[in-house]
Amino acid sequence: MKCCLEHIELAMEMYIDEHEEAPILEMVPEEDKLSTPCEFCKENAVYMVGN
């Protein structure tokens, strides 16, 4: 799940609810930041939430 700074908590909560474990947070690579939208608001994504 890719998200912006504003939606990081929401993404983490959704992941935990769905998978019942803590997610791994990774930064979106610099070369992908401008072309990767947040899955909640379509702003540029900063983090990838998942395992």
C-alpha atoms as a PDB file:
ATOM      1  CA  MET A   1       0.000   0.000   0.000  1.00  0.00           C
ATOM      2  CA  LYS A   2       1.564   3.308  -1.033  1.00  0.00           C
ATOM      3  CA  CYS A   3       0.687   6.454   0.909  1.00  0.00           C
ATOM      4  CA  CYS A   4       1.600  10.063   1.595  1.00  0.00           C
ATOM      5  CA  LEU A   5       2.655  11.420   5.001  1.00  0.00           C
ATOM      6  CA  GLU A   6      -0.913  12.460   5.806  1.00  0.00           C
ATOM      7  CA  HIS A   7      -2.299   8.930   5.387  1.00  0.00           C
ATOM      8  CA  ILE A   8       0.504   6.824   6.911  1.00  0.00           C
ATOM      9  CA  GLU A   9      -1.447   6.094  10.111  1.00  0.00           C
ATOM     10  CA  LEU A  10      -4.546   5.062   8.163  1.00  0.00           C
ATOM     11  CA  ALA A  11      -2.503   2.729   5.957  1.00  0.00           C
ATOM     12  CA  MET A  12      -0.841   1.153   8.993  1.00  0.00           C
ATOM     13  CA  GLU A  13      -4.177   0.637  10.769  1.00  0.00           C
ATOM     14  CA  MET A  14      -5.717  -0.941   7.667  1.00  0.00           C
ATOM     15  CA  TYR A  15      -2.738  -3.274   7.243  1.00  0.00           C
ATOM     16  CA  ILE A  16      -2.825  -4.363  10.893  1.00  0.00           C
ATOM     17  CA  ASP A  17      -6.594  -4.958  10.756  1.00  0.00           C
ATOM     18  CA  GLU A  18      -6.235  -7.029   7.587  1.00  0.00           C
ATOM     19  CA  HIS A  19      -3.097  -9.036   8.406  1.00  0.00           C
ATOM     20  CA  GLU A  20      -2.996  -8.935  12.233  1.00  0.00           C
ATOM     21  CA  GLU A  21       0.713  -8.100  12.251  1.00  0.00           C
ATOM     22  CA  ALA A  22       2.802  -4.956  12.109  1.00  0.00           C
ATOM     23  CA  PRO A  23       3.728  -3.770   8.607  1.00  0.00           C
ATOM     24  CA  ILE A  24       7.155  -2.990   7.288  1.00  0.00           C
ATOM     25  CA  LEU A  25       7.519   0.660   6.270  1.00  0.00           C
ATOM     26  CA  GLU A  26       9.763   1.510   3.345  1.00  0.00           C
ATOM     27  CA  MET A  27      10.382   4.804   1.620  1.00  0.00           C
ATOM     28  CA  VAL A  28       9.252   5.082  -1.984  1.00  0.00           C
ATOM     29  CA  PRO A  29      12.472   5.259  -4.071  1.00  0.00           C
ATOM     30  CA  GLU A  30      13.397   8.816  -5.103  1.00  0.00           C
ATOM     31  CA  GLU A  31      13.042   8.001  -8.811  1.00  0.00           C
ATOM     32  CA  ASP A  32       9.432   6.806  -8.237  1.00  0.00           C
ATOM     33  CA  LYS A  33       8.199   9.560  -5.882  1.00  0.00           C
ATOM     34  CA  LEU A  34       6.764  11.841  -8.559  1.00  0.00           C
ATOM     35  CA  SER A  35       4.942   9.054 -10.405  1.00  0.00           C
ATOM     36  CA  THR A  36       3.622   7.041  -7.439  1.00  0.00           C
ATOM     37  CA  PRO A  37       0.299   8.325  -6.041  1.00  0.00           C
ATOM     38  CA  CYS A  38      -1.064   7.853  -2.537  1.00  0.00           C
ATOM     39  CA  GLU A  39      -3.810   5.228  -2.586  1.00  0.00           C
ATOM     40  CA  PHE A  40      -6.050   7.477  -0.460  1.00  0.00           C
ATOM     41  CA  CYS A  41      -5.706  10.970  -1.914  1.00  0.00           C
ATOM     42  CA  LYS A  42      -3.560  10.740  -5.096  1.00  0.00           C
ATOM     43  CA  GLU A  43      -0.848  13.043  -3.707  1.00  0.00           C
ATOM     44  CA  ASN A  44       2.721  11.803  -4.185  1.00  0.00           C
ATOM     45  CA  ALA A  45       3.366   8.690  -2.092  1.00  0.00           C
ATOM     46  CA  VAL A  46       6.236   8.759   0.381  1.00  0.00           C
ATOM     47  CA  TYR A  47       5.919   5.341   2.064  1.00  0.00           C
ATOM     48  CA  MET A  48       5.115   1.778   1.114  1.00  0.00           C
ATOM     49  CA  VAL A  49       3.294  -0.093   3.874  1.00  0.00           C
ATOM     50  CA  GLY A  50       3.416  -3.886   3.831  1.00  0.00           C
ATOM     51  CA  ASN A  51       5.530  -6.991   4.284  1.00  0.00           C
END
